[in-house]
């Protein structure tokens, strides 16, 4: 069992985070979550999910203003953190070590402790500053996985598209799933 942190920001694509949390929990992993203020707005608008509903889906739901929470410390032994979806504001804050809230502090801790950090930006198009921030993070070892599902598995539903991206994230976490058909060539 792994201890995983999922950060949810105000970028569009909250459905990906909800599905990832579901898959991780079904696989028996301990999921801790933190959501930005904008993330709550998008979760409500896109998915109709409240704080109370999300709290029931995770082991611990942290207040983003509580920079003294467990996930803000390197002594909290999280195996990995996924920021999904990741806004460009959050990516910039992480790239420049501006830990002004719990989500960015937890990501900074993952970097300083040499633990796996995955960012899933959903922004398009991106300008040079976005790309520079993502490059800087990639050079630090952060996995950058744009929310760009493939179509070789011939998706029929939105859920098929979501599952492909979530499956690819799980691949990066070392978690086996059968969420999408793999390319056989």
N, C-alpha and C. Protein backbone atom coordinates (compact mmCIF):
# COMPACT_ATOMS: atom_id res chain seq x y z
N UNK A 1 0.84 -1.18 0.00
CA UNK A 1 0.00 0.00 0.00
C UNK A 1 0.88 1.24 0.00
N UNK A 2 0.52 2.18 -0.85
CA UNK A 2 1.25 3.44 -0.90
C UNK A 2 0.42 4.54 -0.25
N UNK A 3 1.13 5.55 0.22
CA UNK A 3 0.50 6.75 0.76
C UNK A 3 0.70 7.83 -0.30
N UNK A 4 -0.41 8.31 -0.89
CA UNK A 4 -0.35 9.23 -2.02
C UNK A 4 -1.10 10.51 -1.73
N UNK A 5 -0.57 11.62 -2.24
CA UNK A 5 -1.21 12.92 -2.09
C UNK A 5 -1.73 13.33 -3.47
N UNK A 6 -2.99 13.75 -3.51
CA UNK A 6 -3.58 14.28 -4.73
C UNK A 6 -3.93 15.74 -4.48
N UNK A 7 -3.37 16.61 -5.30
CA UNK A 7 -3.67 18.03 -5.23
C UNK A 7 -4.57 18.40 -6.40
N UNK A 8 -5.61 19.17 -6.12
CA UNK A 8 -6.57 19.56 -7.15
C UNK A 8 -6.60 21.08 -7.21
N UNK A 9 -6.33 21.63 -8.41
CA UNK A 9 -6.32 23.08 -8.58
C UNK A 9 -7.51 23.51 -9.43
N UNK A 10 -7.54 24.79 -9.76
CA UNK A 10 -8.67 25.36 -10.47
C UNK A 10 -8.65 25.20 -11.97
N UNK A 11 -7.72 24.46 -12.52
CA UNK A 11 -7.75 24.19 -13.96
C UNK A 11 -8.92 23.25 -14.25
N UNK A 12 -9.44 23.33 -15.45
CA UNK A 12 -10.51 22.42 -15.85
C UNK A 12 -9.99 20.99 -15.87
N UNK A 13 -10.84 20.03 -15.55
CA UNK A 13 -10.44 18.64 -15.59
C UNK A 13 -10.53 17.92 -14.26
N UNK A 14 -11.36 18.40 -13.35
CA UNK A 14 -11.51 17.77 -12.04
C UNK A 14 -11.93 16.31 -12.14
N UNK A 15 -12.60 15.96 -13.23
CA UNK A 15 -13.05 14.58 -13.42
C UNK A 15 -11.87 13.62 -13.37
N UNK A 16 -10.71 14.05 -13.86
CA UNK A 16 -9.52 13.20 -13.82
C UNK A 16 -9.11 12.92 -12.37
N UNK A 17 -9.12 13.94 -11.54
CA UNK A 17 -8.73 13.77 -10.14
C UNK A 17 -9.68 12.83 -9.41
N UNK A 18 -10.97 13.01 -9.64
CA UNK A 18 -11.95 12.15 -8.97
C UNK A 18 -11.76 10.69 -9.37
N UNK A 19 -11.52 10.45 -10.65
CA UNK A 19 -11.33 9.08 -11.11
C UNK A 19 -10.02 8.50 -10.57
N UNK A 20 -8.96 9.31 -10.53
CA UNK A 20 -7.70 8.83 -9.98
C UNK A 20 -7.88 8.43 -8.52
N UNK A 21 -8.54 9.27 -7.75
CA UNK A 21 -8.78 8.95 -6.34
C UNK A 21 -9.55 7.64 -6.22
N UNK A 22 -10.56 7.46 -7.04
CA UNK A 22 -11.35 6.23 -7.00
C UNK A 22 -10.49 5.01 -7.31
N UNK A 23 -9.68 5.09 -8.35
CA UNK A 23 -8.83 3.97 -8.74
C UNK A 23 -7.79 3.67 -7.66
N UNK A 24 -7.18 4.70 -7.10
CA UNK A 24 -6.18 4.49 -6.05
C UNK A 24 -6.79 3.84 -4.83
N UNK A 25 -7.95 4.31 -4.43
CA UNK A 25 -8.63 3.73 -3.26
C UNK A 25 -9.02 2.27 -3.52
N UNK A 26 -9.56 2.00 -4.73
CA UNK A 26 -9.94 0.62 -5.06
C UNK A 26 -8.74 -0.31 -5.05
N UNK A 27 -7.56 0.23 -5.35
CA UNK A 27 -6.34 -0.58 -5.35
C UNK A 27 -5.75 -0.70 -3.94
N UNK A 28 -6.40 -0.09 -2.94
CA UNK A 28 -5.97 -0.24 -1.56
C UNK A 28 -4.95 0.78 -1.08
N UNK A 29 -4.77 1.86 -1.82
CA UNK A 29 -3.80 2.87 -1.42
C UNK A 29 -4.46 3.93 -0.54
N UNK A 30 -3.65 4.57 0.29
CA UNK A 30 -4.11 5.62 1.19
C UNK A 30 -3.98 6.96 0.46
N UNK A 31 -5.11 7.64 0.26
CA UNK A 31 -5.12 8.88 -0.50
C UNK A 31 -5.39 10.07 0.41
N UNK A 32 -4.47 11.04 0.35
CA UNK A 32 -4.61 12.30 1.05
C UNK A 32 -4.85 13.35 -0.02
N UNK A 33 -5.73 14.30 0.23
CA UNK A 33 -6.06 15.29 -0.80
C UNK A 33 -6.03 16.70 -0.24
N UNK A 34 -5.68 17.63 -1.13
CA UNK A 34 -5.73 19.06 -0.83
C UNK A 34 -6.24 19.75 -2.08
N UNK A 35 -7.12 20.73 -1.88
CA UNK A 35 -7.78 21.42 -2.99
C UNK A 35 -7.64 22.92 -2.81
N UNK A 36 -7.27 23.61 -3.88
CA UNK A 36 -7.18 25.07 -3.82
C UNK A 36 -8.60 25.66 -3.84
N UNK A 37 -8.71 26.95 -3.51
CA UNK A 37 -10.02 27.61 -3.56
C UNK A 37 -10.63 27.51 -4.95
N UNK A 38 -9.82 27.78 -5.96
CA UNK A 38 -10.31 27.67 -7.34
C UNK A 38 -10.66 26.22 -7.68
N UNK A 39 -9.90 25.29 -7.12
CA UNK A 39 -10.19 23.88 -7.33
C UNK A 39 -11.57 23.50 -6.83
N UNK A 40 -11.97 24.06 -5.67
CA UNK A 40 -13.31 23.79 -5.15
C UNK A 40 -14.38 24.32 -6.10
N UNK A 41 -14.15 25.50 -6.65
CA UNK A 41 -15.11 26.08 -7.58
C UNK A 41 -15.28 25.19 -8.81
N UNK A 42 -14.15 24.70 -9.34
CA UNK A 42 -14.22 23.85 -10.54
C UNK A 42 -14.82 22.49 -10.21
N UNK A 43 -14.46 21.91 -9.07
CA UNK A 43 -15.06 20.63 -8.66
C UNK A 43 -16.58 20.73 -8.60
N UNK A 44 -17.06 21.83 -8.04
CA UNK A 44 -18.50 22.03 -7.94
C UNK A 44 -19.11 22.24 -9.32
N UNK A 45 -18.52 23.12 -10.12
CA UNK A 45 -19.08 23.46 -11.42
C UNK A 45 -19.05 22.28 -12.40
N UNK A 46 -17.91 21.61 -12.49
CA UNK A 46 -17.77 20.54 -13.48
C UNK A 46 -18.33 19.20 -13.02
N UNK A 47 -18.28 18.93 -11.71
CA UNK A 47 -18.62 17.59 -11.22
C UNK A 47 -19.69 17.57 -10.14
N UNK A 48 -20.08 18.75 -9.62
CA UNK A 48 -21.07 18.79 -8.55
C UNK A 48 -20.58 18.17 -7.26
N UNK A 49 -19.27 18.25 -7.01
CA UNK A 49 -18.68 17.61 -5.83
C UNK A 49 -18.38 18.67 -4.77
N UNK A 50 -18.87 18.43 -3.56
CA UNK A 50 -18.66 19.34 -2.42
C UNK A 50 -17.50 18.84 -1.57
N UNK A 51 -17.13 19.67 -0.59
CA UNK A 51 -16.09 19.27 0.36
C UNK A 51 -16.49 17.99 1.08
N UNK A 52 -17.73 17.94 1.51
CA UNK A 52 -18.20 16.77 2.26
C UNK A 52 -18.12 15.51 1.40
N UNK A 53 -18.51 15.62 0.13
CA UNK A 53 -18.47 14.46 -0.76
C UNK A 53 -17.04 14.01 -1.02
N UNK A 54 -16.13 14.96 -1.23
CA UNK A 54 -14.73 14.57 -1.47
C UNK A 54 -14.12 13.98 -0.21
N UNK A 55 -14.45 14.52 0.95
CA UNK A 55 -13.90 14.01 2.20
C UNK A 55 -14.23 12.53 2.40
N UNK A 56 -15.36 12.09 1.89
CA UNK A 56 -15.76 10.68 2.01
C UNK A 56 -14.96 9.77 1.07
N UNK A 57 -14.29 10.36 0.09
CA UNK A 57 -13.56 9.58 -0.91
C UNK A 57 -12.08 9.41 -0.59
N UNK A 58 -11.58 10.15 0.40
CA UNK A 58 -10.15 10.12 0.71
C UNK A 58 -9.91 9.79 2.18
N UNK A 59 -8.70 9.38 2.50
CA UNK A 59 -8.35 9.10 3.90
C UNK A 59 -8.34 10.40 4.70
N UNK A 60 -7.71 11.45 4.12
CA UNK A 60 -7.63 12.75 4.78
C UNK A 60 -7.79 13.84 3.73
N UNK A 61 -8.65 14.80 4.03
CA UNK A 61 -8.80 15.98 3.19
C UNK A 61 -8.30 17.17 3.99
N UNK A 62 -7.28 17.84 3.47
CA UNK A 62 -6.64 18.94 4.18
C UNK A 62 -7.18 20.29 3.72
N UNK A 63 -7.15 21.24 4.62
CA UNK A 63 -7.48 22.63 4.31
C UNK A 63 -6.25 23.25 3.67
N UNK A 64 -6.40 23.82 2.49
CA UNK A 64 -5.27 24.38 1.75
C UNK A 64 -4.60 25.54 2.49
N UNK A 65 -5.28 26.16 3.42
CA UNK A 65 -4.69 27.25 4.19
C UNK A 65 -3.84 26.76 5.37
N UNK A 66 -3.92 25.48 5.69
CA UNK A 66 -3.21 24.91 6.83
C UNK A 66 -1.81 24.45 6.43
N UNK A 67 -0.88 25.40 6.33
CA UNK A 67 0.48 25.05 5.91
C UNK A 67 1.25 24.27 6.98
N UNK A 68 0.62 24.02 8.12
CA UNK A 68 1.23 23.20 9.16
C UNK A 68 0.69 21.78 9.16
N UNK A 69 -0.11 21.41 8.16
CA UNK A 69 -0.68 20.05 8.09
C UNK A 69 0.42 19.02 7.82
N UNK A 70 0.11 17.78 8.05
CA UNK A 70 1.09 16.69 7.94
C UNK A 70 1.82 16.68 6.60
N UNK A 71 1.11 16.87 5.50
CA UNK A 71 1.74 16.76 4.18
C UNK A 71 2.71 17.91 3.89
N UNK A 72 2.78 18.91 4.78
CA UNK A 72 3.72 20.02 4.63
C UNK A 72 5.10 19.69 5.18
N UNK A 73 5.27 18.50 5.71
CA UNK A 73 6.53 18.12 6.34
C UNK A 73 7.19 16.95 5.62
N UNK A 74 8.50 17.02 5.51
CA UNK A 74 9.24 15.91 4.93
C UNK A 74 9.17 14.66 5.77
N UNK A 75 8.83 14.79 7.05
CA UNK A 75 8.71 13.60 7.89
C UNK A 75 7.42 12.82 7.62
N UNK A 76 6.48 13.44 6.88
CA UNK A 76 5.30 12.71 6.43
C UNK A 76 5.74 11.89 5.22
N UNK A 77 5.68 10.60 5.32
CA UNK A 77 6.29 9.71 4.33
C UNK A 77 5.34 9.39 3.17
N UNK A 78 4.98 10.41 2.42
CA UNK A 78 4.18 10.18 1.21
C UNK A 78 5.08 9.55 0.15
N UNK A 79 4.53 8.59 -0.57
CA UNK A 79 5.29 7.93 -1.64
C UNK A 79 5.34 8.79 -2.90
N UNK A 80 4.27 9.53 -3.15
CA UNK A 80 4.20 10.35 -4.37
C UNK A 80 3.08 11.37 -4.22
N UNK A 81 3.15 12.39 -5.09
CA UNK A 81 2.09 13.40 -5.14
C UNK A 81 1.74 13.64 -6.61
N UNK A 82 0.45 13.75 -6.87
CA UNK A 82 -0.05 14.07 -8.21
C UNK A 82 -0.88 15.34 -8.09
N UNK A 83 -0.54 16.35 -8.89
CA UNK A 83 -1.34 17.58 -8.95
C UNK A 83 -2.14 17.49 -10.23
N UNK A 84 -3.45 17.34 -10.06
CA UNK A 84 -4.33 16.97 -11.17
C UNK A 84 -5.72 17.56 -10.97
N UNK A 85 -6.18 18.43 -11.83
CA UNK A 85 -5.43 19.12 -12.86
C UNK A 85 -4.52 20.17 -12.22
N UNK A 86 -3.48 20.53 -12.94
CA UNK A 86 -2.51 21.51 -12.43
C UNK A 86 -2.63 22.81 -13.21
N UNK A 87 -3.02 23.86 -12.53
CA UNK A 87 -3.11 25.17 -13.17
C UNK A 87 -1.71 25.70 -13.44
N UNK A 88 -1.60 26.63 -14.36
CA UNK A 88 -0.31 27.24 -14.65
C UNK A 88 0.17 28.08 -13.47
N UNK A 89 -0.76 28.62 -12.70
CA UNK A 89 -0.37 29.37 -11.48
C UNK A 89 0.32 28.43 -10.49
N UNK A 90 -0.26 27.26 -10.30
CA UNK A 90 0.32 26.30 -9.37
C UNK A 90 1.66 25.80 -9.89
N UNK A 91 1.74 25.51 -11.18
CA UNK A 91 3.01 25.06 -11.77
C UNK A 91 4.09 26.12 -11.55
N UNK A 92 3.74 27.40 -11.77
CA UNK A 92 4.70 28.49 -11.58
C UNK A 92 5.13 28.58 -10.12
N UNK A 93 4.18 28.45 -9.21
CA UNK A 93 4.52 28.52 -7.78
C UNK A 93 5.47 27.39 -7.38
N UNK A 94 5.20 26.19 -7.88
CA UNK A 94 6.07 25.05 -7.56
C UNK A 94 7.45 25.25 -8.20
N UNK A 95 7.47 25.70 -9.44
CA UNK A 95 8.74 25.89 -10.16
C UNK A 95 9.63 26.91 -9.46
N UNK A 96 9.02 27.87 -8.79
CA UNK A 96 9.79 28.93 -8.14
C UNK A 96 9.78 28.80 -6.62
N UNK A 97 9.39 27.62 -6.12
CA UNK A 97 9.41 27.31 -4.69
C UNK A 97 8.66 28.34 -3.86
N UNK A 98 7.52 28.79 -4.40
CA UNK A 98 6.68 29.75 -3.68
C UNK A 98 5.58 28.97 -2.96
N UNK A 99 5.90 28.52 -1.78
CA UNK A 99 5.01 27.66 -1.01
C UNK A 99 4.07 28.48 -0.15
N UNK A 100 3.12 29.14 -0.79
CA UNK A 100 2.23 30.04 -0.05
C UNK A 100 0.92 29.39 0.34
N UNK A 101 0.75 28.10 0.05
CA UNK A 101 -0.43 27.37 0.51
C UNK A 101 -0.02 25.91 0.70
N UNK A 102 -0.90 25.09 1.23
CA UNK A 102 -0.54 23.72 1.55
C UNK A 102 -0.21 22.91 0.31
N UNK A 103 -0.95 23.09 -0.76
CA UNK A 103 -0.71 22.31 -1.96
C UNK A 103 0.70 22.57 -2.49
N UNK A 104 1.07 23.84 -2.63
CA UNK A 104 2.40 24.14 -3.17
C UNK A 104 3.49 23.77 -2.17
N UNK A 105 3.22 23.87 -0.88
CA UNK A 105 4.20 23.45 0.13
C UNK A 105 4.40 21.94 0.06
N UNK A 106 3.32 21.18 -0.07
CA UNK A 106 3.44 19.71 -0.15
C UNK A 106 4.24 19.32 -1.39
N UNK A 107 4.02 20.01 -2.52
CA UNK A 107 4.78 19.73 -3.73
C UNK A 107 6.24 20.06 -3.53
N UNK A 108 6.52 21.18 -2.86
CA UNK A 108 7.89 21.58 -2.58
C UNK A 108 8.58 20.54 -1.70
N UNK A 109 7.86 19.99 -0.76
CA UNK A 109 8.40 18.93 0.11
C UNK A 109 8.75 17.71 -0.73
N UNK A 110 7.90 17.34 -1.68
CA UNK A 110 8.19 16.19 -2.54
C UNK A 110 9.50 16.42 -3.29
N UNK A 111 9.69 17.64 -3.78
CA UNK A 111 10.93 17.96 -4.49
C UNK A 111 12.14 17.88 -3.57
N UNK A 112 12.04 18.52 -2.41
CA UNK A 112 13.21 18.55 -1.52
C UNK A 112 13.55 17.18 -0.96
N UNK A 113 12.56 16.31 -0.85
CA UNK A 113 12.80 14.97 -0.33
C UNK A 113 13.13 13.97 -1.44
N UNK A 114 13.11 14.42 -2.69
CA UNK A 114 13.43 13.53 -3.81
C UNK A 114 12.37 12.48 -4.08
N UNK A 115 11.14 12.82 -3.77
CA UNK A 115 10.02 11.88 -3.98
C UNK A 115 9.31 12.20 -5.29
N UNK A 116 8.54 11.25 -5.76
CA UNK A 116 7.87 11.38 -7.05
C UNK A 116 6.80 12.47 -7.00
N UNK A 117 6.88 13.38 -7.97
CA UNK A 117 5.89 14.44 -8.13
C UNK A 117 5.46 14.45 -9.59
N UNK A 118 4.16 14.37 -9.81
CA UNK A 118 3.57 14.36 -11.15
C UNK A 118 2.63 15.54 -11.26
N UNK A 119 2.82 16.35 -12.31
CA UNK A 119 1.90 17.46 -12.59
C UNK A 119 1.17 17.15 -13.89
N UNK A 120 -0.15 17.38 -13.86
CA UNK A 120 -0.98 17.14 -15.04
C UNK A 120 -1.62 18.47 -15.45
N UNK A 121 -0.88 19.26 -16.26
CA UNK A 121 -1.46 20.52 -16.71
C UNK A 121 -2.55 20.28 -17.75
N UNK A 122 -3.56 21.15 -17.75
CA UNK A 122 -4.66 21.01 -18.68
C UNK A 122 -4.79 22.27 -19.55
N UNK A 123 -3.89 23.18 -19.41
CA UNK A 123 -3.96 24.45 -20.14
C UNK A 123 -3.57 24.28 -21.60
N UNK A 124 -4.25 25.00 -22.48
CA UNK A 124 -3.85 25.06 -23.88
C UNK A 124 -4.46 26.30 -24.51
N UNK A 125 -3.75 27.02 -25.33
CA UNK A 125 -2.33 26.83 -25.61
C UNK A 125 -1.48 27.33 -24.45
N UNK A 126 -0.21 27.02 -24.51
CA UNK A 126 0.74 27.48 -23.49
C UNK A 126 1.68 28.49 -24.13
N UNK A 127 2.02 29.52 -23.37
CA UNK A 127 3.01 30.47 -23.87
C UNK A 127 4.38 30.12 -23.30
N UNK A 128 5.37 30.90 -23.68
CA UNK A 128 6.76 30.57 -23.33
C UNK A 128 6.99 30.48 -21.82
N UNK A 129 6.35 31.32 -21.03
CA UNK A 129 6.57 31.26 -19.58
C UNK A 129 6.01 29.96 -19.01
N UNK A 130 4.83 29.54 -19.47
CA UNK A 130 4.29 28.25 -19.03
C UNK A 130 5.29 27.14 -19.34
N UNK A 131 5.76 27.14 -20.58
CA UNK A 131 6.68 26.09 -21.02
C UNK A 131 8.00 26.13 -20.26
N UNK A 132 8.51 27.32 -19.98
CA UNK A 132 9.75 27.44 -19.19
C UNK A 132 9.56 26.89 -17.79
N UNK A 133 8.42 27.19 -17.17
CA UNK A 133 8.16 26.66 -15.82
C UNK A 133 8.07 25.14 -15.84
N UNK A 134 7.38 24.59 -16.83
CA UNK A 134 7.26 23.13 -16.92
C UNK A 134 8.62 22.50 -17.22
N UNK A 135 9.42 23.14 -18.07
CA UNK A 135 10.76 22.63 -18.35
C UNK A 135 11.61 22.64 -17.09
N UNK A 136 11.55 23.72 -16.35
CA UNK A 136 12.32 23.82 -15.10
C UNK A 136 11.94 22.67 -14.16
N UNK A 137 10.64 22.41 -14.04
CA UNK A 137 10.17 21.33 -13.19
C UNK A 137 10.63 19.97 -13.71
N UNK A 138 10.54 19.77 -15.02
CA UNK A 138 10.98 18.50 -15.61
C UNK A 138 12.47 18.28 -15.35
N UNK A 139 13.24 19.35 -15.43
CA UNK A 139 14.68 19.24 -15.17
C UNK A 139 14.98 18.89 -13.72
N UNK A 140 14.03 19.17 -12.83
CA UNK A 140 14.16 18.81 -11.42
C UNK A 140 13.66 17.39 -11.14
N UNK A 141 13.14 16.71 -12.17
CA UNK A 141 12.67 15.35 -12.01
C UNK A 141 11.16 15.20 -11.90
N UNK A 142 10.44 16.30 -12.01
CA UNK A 142 8.98 16.23 -11.96
C UNK A 142 8.49 15.63 -13.27
N UNK A 143 7.54 14.71 -13.17
CA UNK A 143 6.92 14.14 -14.38
C UNK A 143 5.81 15.09 -14.81
N UNK A 144 5.87 15.54 -16.06
CA UNK A 144 4.86 16.43 -16.62
C UNK A 144 4.02 15.59 -17.57
N UNK A 145 2.73 15.49 -17.28
CA UNK A 145 1.83 14.67 -18.07
C UNK A 145 0.61 15.49 -18.49
N UNK A 146 0.71 16.23 -19.59
CA UNK A 146 -0.45 17.02 -20.02
C UNK A 146 -1.70 16.14 -20.16
N UNK A 147 -2.82 16.70 -19.83
CA UNK A 147 -4.09 15.97 -19.94
C UNK A 147 -4.44 15.87 -21.42
N UNK A 148 -3.81 14.92 -22.08
CA UNK A 148 -3.96 14.74 -23.52
C UNK A 148 -4.12 13.25 -23.81
N UNK A 149 -5.32 12.73 -23.66
CA UNK A 149 -5.51 11.29 -23.88
C UNK A 149 -5.31 10.93 -25.36
N UNK A 150 -4.86 9.69 -25.58
CA UNK A 150 -4.72 9.18 -26.93
C UNK A 150 -6.04 8.60 -27.43
N UNK A 151 -6.03 8.19 -28.67
CA UNK A 151 -7.24 7.64 -29.27
C UNK A 151 -7.02 6.27 -29.88
N UNK A 152 -5.82 5.71 -29.74
CA UNK A 152 -5.54 4.41 -30.33
C UNK A 152 -6.32 3.28 -29.66
N UNK A 153 -6.84 3.53 -28.47
CA UNK A 153 -7.65 2.52 -27.79
C UNK A 153 -9.13 2.62 -28.18
N UNK A 154 -9.41 3.51 -29.13
CA UNK A 154 -10.76 3.69 -29.69
C UNK A 154 -11.81 3.96 -28.61
N UNK A 155 -11.65 5.06 -27.90
CA UNK A 155 -12.60 5.39 -26.83
C UNK A 155 -14.01 5.62 -27.38
N UNK A 156 -14.98 5.22 -26.59
CA UNK A 156 -16.38 5.40 -26.99
C UNK A 156 -17.10 6.40 -26.08
N UNK A 157 -16.53 6.66 -24.90
CA UNK A 157 -17.17 7.54 -23.94
C UNK A 157 -16.14 8.50 -23.34
N UNK A 158 -16.65 9.52 -22.67
CA UNK A 158 -15.76 10.42 -21.93
C UNK A 158 -15.01 9.63 -20.87
N UNK A 159 -15.68 8.67 -20.25
CA UNK A 159 -15.04 7.85 -19.23
C UNK A 159 -13.85 7.09 -19.79
N UNK A 160 -13.95 6.61 -21.04
CA UNK A 160 -12.83 5.92 -21.68
C UNK A 160 -11.62 6.86 -21.82
N UNK A 161 -11.88 8.12 -22.17
CA UNK A 161 -10.80 9.11 -22.30
C UNK A 161 -10.18 9.41 -20.94
N UNK A 162 -11.03 9.57 -19.93
CA UNK A 162 -10.54 9.83 -18.58
C UNK A 162 -9.71 8.64 -18.09
N UNK A 163 -10.21 7.44 -18.30
CA UNK A 163 -9.51 6.25 -17.83
C UNK A 163 -8.13 6.09 -18.48
N UNK A 164 -8.01 6.49 -19.74
CA UNK A 164 -6.69 6.37 -20.37
C UNK A 164 -5.68 7.25 -19.64
N UNK A 165 -6.02 8.50 -19.39
CA UNK A 165 -5.09 9.39 -18.70
C UNK A 165 -4.81 8.90 -17.28
N UNK A 166 -5.85 8.49 -16.58
CA UNK A 166 -5.67 7.98 -15.21
C UNK A 166 -4.80 6.72 -15.24
N UNK A 167 -4.99 5.87 -16.23
CA UNK A 167 -4.16 4.68 -16.36
C UNK A 167 -2.70 5.03 -16.60
N UNK A 168 -2.45 6.05 -17.41
CA UNK A 168 -1.07 6.49 -17.67
C UNK A 168 -0.44 7.07 -16.40
N UNK A 169 -1.23 7.80 -15.59
CA UNK A 169 -0.73 8.31 -14.32
C UNK A 169 -0.38 7.14 -13.40
N UNK A 170 -1.26 6.16 -13.33
CA UNK A 170 -0.99 4.98 -12.50
C UNK A 170 0.27 4.27 -12.97
N UNK A 171 0.51 4.22 -14.29
CA UNK A 171 1.76 3.64 -14.80
C UNK A 171 2.96 4.35 -14.19
N UNK A 172 2.91 5.68 -14.13
CA UNK A 172 4.01 6.46 -13.57
C UNK A 172 4.18 6.22 -12.07
N UNK A 173 3.10 5.86 -11.41
CA UNK A 173 3.14 5.57 -9.97
C UNK A 173 3.53 4.12 -9.70
N UNK A 174 3.65 3.31 -10.76
CA UNK A 174 3.97 1.90 -10.59
C UNK A 174 2.79 1.07 -10.15
N UNK A 175 1.58 1.52 -10.47
CA UNK A 175 0.36 0.83 -10.09
C UNK A 175 -0.25 0.21 -11.34
N UNK A 176 -0.41 -1.12 -11.34
CA UNK A 176 -0.99 -1.81 -12.48
C UNK A 176 -2.49 -1.62 -12.54
N UNK A 177 -2.98 -1.27 -13.73
CA UNK A 177 -4.42 -1.17 -13.95
C UNK A 177 -4.73 -1.74 -15.33
N UNK A 178 -6.00 -1.93 -15.56
CA UNK A 178 -6.45 -2.32 -16.90
C UNK A 178 -7.46 -1.28 -17.39
N UNK A 179 -7.16 -0.01 -17.15
CA UNK A 179 -8.09 1.07 -17.46
C UNK A 179 -8.21 1.36 -18.95
N UNK A 180 -7.22 0.97 -19.73
CA UNK A 180 -7.29 1.22 -21.18
C UNK A 180 -6.54 0.12 -21.91
N UNK A 181 -6.89 -0.04 -23.18
CA UNK A 181 -6.22 -1.05 -24.00
C UNK A 181 -4.87 -0.51 -24.43
N UNK A 182 -3.84 -1.27 -24.17
CA UNK A 182 -2.49 -0.85 -24.52
C UNK A 182 -2.21 -1.13 -26.00
N UNK A 183 -1.33 -0.32 -26.56
CA UNK A 183 -1.00 -0.44 -27.98
C UNK A 183 -0.29 -1.77 -28.22
N UNK A 184 -0.79 -2.51 -29.16
CA UNK A 184 -0.22 -3.82 -29.50
C UNK A 184 0.54 -3.78 -30.81
N UNK A 185 0.41 -2.69 -31.55
CA UNK A 185 1.15 -2.52 -32.79
C UNK A 185 0.68 -3.27 -33.93
